C-alpha atoms as a PDB file:
ATOM      1  CA  MET A   1       0.000   0.000   0.000  1.00  0.00           C
ATOM      2  CA  ILE A   2       2.761   2.445   0.901  1.00  0.00           C
ATOM      3  CA  GLU A   3       4.597   1.870  -2.378  1.00  0.00           C
ATOM      4  CA  LEU A   4       1.415   2.516  -4.320  1.00  0.00           C
ATOM      5  CA  LEU A   5       0.852   5.756  -2.404  1.00  0.00           C
ATOM      6  CA  LYS A   6       4.445   6.868  -2.950  1.00  0.00           C
ATOM      7  CA  LYS A   7       4.187   6.295  -6.683  1.00  0.00           C
ATOM      8  CA  GLY A   8       0.825   8.041  -6.866  1.00  0.00           C
ATOM      9  CA  ILE A   9       2.081  11.065  -4.979  1.00  0.00           C
ATOM     10  CA  LEU A  10       5.267  11.304  -6.992  1.00  0.00           C
ATOM     11  CA  THR A  11       3.445  11.167 -10.313  1.00  0.00           C
ATOM     12  CA  GLY A  12       0.389  13.221  -9.352  1.00  0.00           C
ATOM     13  CA  ILE A  13       1.842  16.043  -7.290  1.00  0.00           C
ATOM     14  CA  GLY A  14       4.801  18.336  -7.713  1.00  0.00           C
ATOM     15  CA  LEU A  15       6.736  17.034  -4.747  1.00  0.00           C
ATOM     16  CA  ALA A  16       8.989  20.080  -4.534  1.00  0.00           C
ATOM     17  CA  SER A  17       5.936  22.253  -3.961  1.00  0.00           C
ATOM     18  CA  LEU A  18       4.681  20.270  -0.976  1.00  0.00           C
ATOM     19  CA  THR A  19       5.193  21.896   2.389  1.00  0.00           C
ATOM     20  CA  LYS A  20       5.997  19.971   5.525  1.00  0.00           C
ATOM     21  CA  GLU A  21       2.550  20.816   6.905  1.00  0.00           C
ATOM     22  CA  LYS A  22       0.777  19.459   3.824  1.00  0.00           C
ATOM     23  CA  ILE A  23       2.793  16.253   3.932  1.00  0.00           C
ATOM     24  CA  GLU A  24       2.031  15.752   7.629  1.00  0.00           C
ATOM     25  CA  ARG A  25      -1.659  16.489   7.101  1.00  0.00           C
ATOM     26  CA  PHE A  26      -1.754  13.995   4.229  1.00  0.00           C
ATOM     27  CA  GLY A  27      -0.156  11.294   6.408  1.00  0.00           C
ATOM     28  CA  LYS A  28      -2.560  11.947   9.292  1.00  0.00           C
ATOM     29  CA  ASP A  29      -5.538  11.802   6.940  1.00  0.00           C
ATOM     30  CA  LEU A  30      -4.428   8.413   5.603  1.00  0.00           C
ATOM     31  CA  ILE A  31      -4.040   7.107   9.154  1.00  0.00           C
ATOM     32  CA  LYS A  32      -7.482   8.437  10.191  1.00  0.00           C
ATOM     33  CA  GLN A  33      -9.090   6.873   7.137  1.00  0.00           C
ATOM     34  CA  GLY A  34      -7.504   3.542   8.031  1.00  0.00           C
ATOM     35  CA  HIS A  35      -5.401   3.279   4.874  1.00  0.00           C
ATOM     36  CA  LEU A  36      -2.168   3.183   6.894  1.00  0.00           C
ATOM     37  CA  SER A  37      -1.105   2.202  10.374  1.00  0.00           C
ATOM     38  CA  GLU A  38       0.471   4.813  12.647  1.00  0.00           C
ATOM     39  CA  ILE A  39       3.951   3.452  11.898  1.00  0.00           C
ATOM     40  CA  GLU A  40       3.354   3.300   8.138  1.00  0.00           C
ATOM     41  CA  GLY A  41       2.008   6.848   8.199  1.00  0.00           C
ATOM     42  CA  LYS A  42       5.078   8.153  10.010  1.00  0.00           C
ATOM     43  CA  GLU A  43       7.372   6.297   7.608  1.00  0.00           C
ATOM     44  CA  LEU A  44       5.513   7.728   4.622  1.00  0.00           C
ATOM     45  CA  VAL A  45       5.620  11.253   6.020  1.00  0.00           C
ATOM     46  CA  SER A  46       9.339  10.961   6.766  1.00  0.00           C
ATOM     47  CA  TYR A  47      10.042   9.589   3.293  1.00  0.00           C
ATOM     48  CA  LEU A  48       8.003  12.313   1.569  1.00  0.00           C
ATOM     49  CA  GLU A  49       9.591  15.107   3.611  1.00  0.00           C
ATOM     50  CA  GLU A  50      13.066  13.886   2.722  1.00  0.00           C
ATOM     51  CA  LEU A  51      12.134  13.491  -0.927  1.00  0.00           C
ATOM     52  CA  SER A  52      10.465  16.896  -1.013  1.00  0.00           C
ATOM     53  CA  GLU A  53      13.597  18.533   0.409  1.00  0.00           C
ATOM     54  CA  ARG A  54      15.771  16.794  -2.189  1.00  0.00           C
ATOM     55  CA  GLU A  55      13.446  17.907  -4.977  1.00  0.00           C
ATOM     56  CA  LYS A  56      13.529  21.500  -3.730  1.00  0.00           C
ATOM     57  CA  ASN A  57      17.335  21.427  -3.676  1.00  0.00           C
ATOM     58  CA  ASN A  58      17.419  19.952  -7.192  1.00  0.00           C
ATOM     59  CA  MET A  59      14.999  22.591  -8.395  1.00  0.00           C
ATOM     60  CA  ASP A  60      17.094  25.351  -6.809  1.00  0.00           C
ATOM     61  CA  LEU A  61      20.195  24.069  -8.602  1.00  0.00           C
ATOM     62  CA  LYS A  62      18.366  23.876 -11.926  1.00  0.00           C
ATOM     63  CA  VAL A  63      17.004  27.405 -11.553  1.00  0.00           C
ATOM     64  CA  GLU A  64      20.424  28.732 -10.557  1.00  0.00           C
ATOM     65  CA  THR A  65      22.017  27.057 -13.581  1.00  0.00           C
ATOM     66  CA  VAL A  66      19.434  28.561 -15.929  1.00  0.00           C
ATOM     67  CA  ILE A  67      19.851  32.033 -14.411  1.00  0.00           C
ATOM     68  CA  ILE A  68      23.640  31.872 -14.739  1.00  0.00           C
ATOM     69  CA  ARG A  69      23.276  30.780 -18.371  1.00  0.00           C
ATOM     70  CA  ILE A  70      20.885  33.677 -19.065  1.00  0.00           C
ATOM     71  CA  LEU A  71      23.201  36.194 -17.421  1.00  0.00           C
ATOM     72  CA  LYS A  72      26.130  34.928 -19.483  1.00  0.00           C
ATOM     73  CA  THR A  73      24.067  35.062 -22.669  1.00  0.00           C
ATOM     74  CA  PHE A  74      23.092  38.678 -22.067  1.00  0.00           C
ATOM     75  CA  ASP A  75      26.570  39.531 -20.758  1.00  0.00           C
ATOM     76  CA  VAL A  76      25.235  40.948 -17.476  1.00  0.00           C
ATOM     77  CA  ALA A  77      27.738  41.804 -14.762  1.00  0.00           C
ATOM     78  CA  ARG A  78      27.310  39.990 -11.475  1.00  0.00           C
ATOM     79  CA  LYS A  79      27.760  41.605  -8.054  1.00  0.00           C
ATOM     80  CA  GLU A  80      31.076  39.813  -7.751  1.00  0.00           C
ATOM     81  CA  ASP A  81      32.269  41.368 -11.035  1.00  0.00           C
ATOM     82  CA  ILE A  82      31.203  44.832  -9.899  1.00  0.00           C
ATOM     83  CA  ARG A  83      32.924  44.437  -6.529  1.00  0.00           C
ATOM     84  CA  LYS A  84      36.177  43.456  -8.270  1.00  0.00           C
ATOM     85  CA  LEU A  85      35.954  46.548 -10.466  1.00  0.00           C
ATOM     86  CA  GLU A  86      35.224  48.775  -7.464  1.00  0.00           C
ATOM     87  CA  LYS A  87      38.346  47.439  -5.727  1.00  0.00           C
ATOM     88  CA  ARG A  88      40.454  48.051  -8.835  1.00  0.00           C
ATOM     89  CA  ILE A  89      39.110  51.593  -9.180  1.00  0.00           C
ATOM     90  CA  ALA A  90      39.797  52.331  -5.517  1.00  0.00           C
ATOM     91  CA  LEU A  91      43.368  51.053  -5.905  1.00  0.00           C
ATOM     92  CA  LEU A  92      43.902  53.136  -9.045  1.00  0.00           C
ATOM     93  CA  GLU A  93      42.539  56.224  -7.316  1.00  0.00           C
ATOM     94  CA  ARG A  94      44.833  55.730  -4.321  1.00  0.00           C
ATOM     95  CA  THR A  95      47.807  55.210  -6.636  1.00  0.00           C
ATOM     96  CA  LYS A  96      46.931  58.269  -8.728  1.00  0.00           C
ATOM     97  CA  PHE A  97      46.513  60.530  -5.702  1.00  0.00           C
ATOM     98  CA  ALA A  98      49.708  59.204  -4.144  1.00  0.00           C
ATOM     99  CA  ASN A  99      51.574  60.000  -7.373  1.00  0.00           C
ATOM    100  CA  LEU A 100      50.008  63.471  -7.515  1.00  0.00           C
ATOM    101  CA  ASP A 101      51.167  64.162  -3.986  1.00  0.00           C
ATOM    102  CA  LYS A 102      54.718  63.153  -4.924  1.00  0.00           C
ATOM    103  CA  THR A 103      54.844  65.320  -8.053  1.00  0.00           C
ATOM    104  CA  HIS A 104      53.423  68.382  -6.290  1.00  0.00           C
ATOM    105  CA  SER A 105      55.293  67.970  -3.007  1.00  0.00           C
ATOM    106  CA  HIS A 106      58.300  69.933  -4.306  1.00  0.00           C
ATOM    107  CA  GLU A 107      56.023  72.923  -4.944  1.00  0.00           C
ATOM    108  CA  ILE A 108      55.383  73.399  -1.233  1.00  0.00           C
END
């Protein structure tokens, strides 16, 4: 019975979209209706929560990969790129002003 339920849930519902509360409610409903024992219900809930978390992580990775690909395609600078440029500019400014001070120090 549990295997049949697992397969039905996996094929019929977007597992990554299930919240912990929904999964627990589903398990309790199956127990109340007599489809599962208390132990089977807890095992099913635990299994679905773990699977849901894995699916969410997989989905996050897929979305991140697609976003990175889009950013590269459109040649958009990332925060990291901008920070590197800001550091380089700050260094150049310090160097320029230090050199200016040296060249004008004899005028004082």
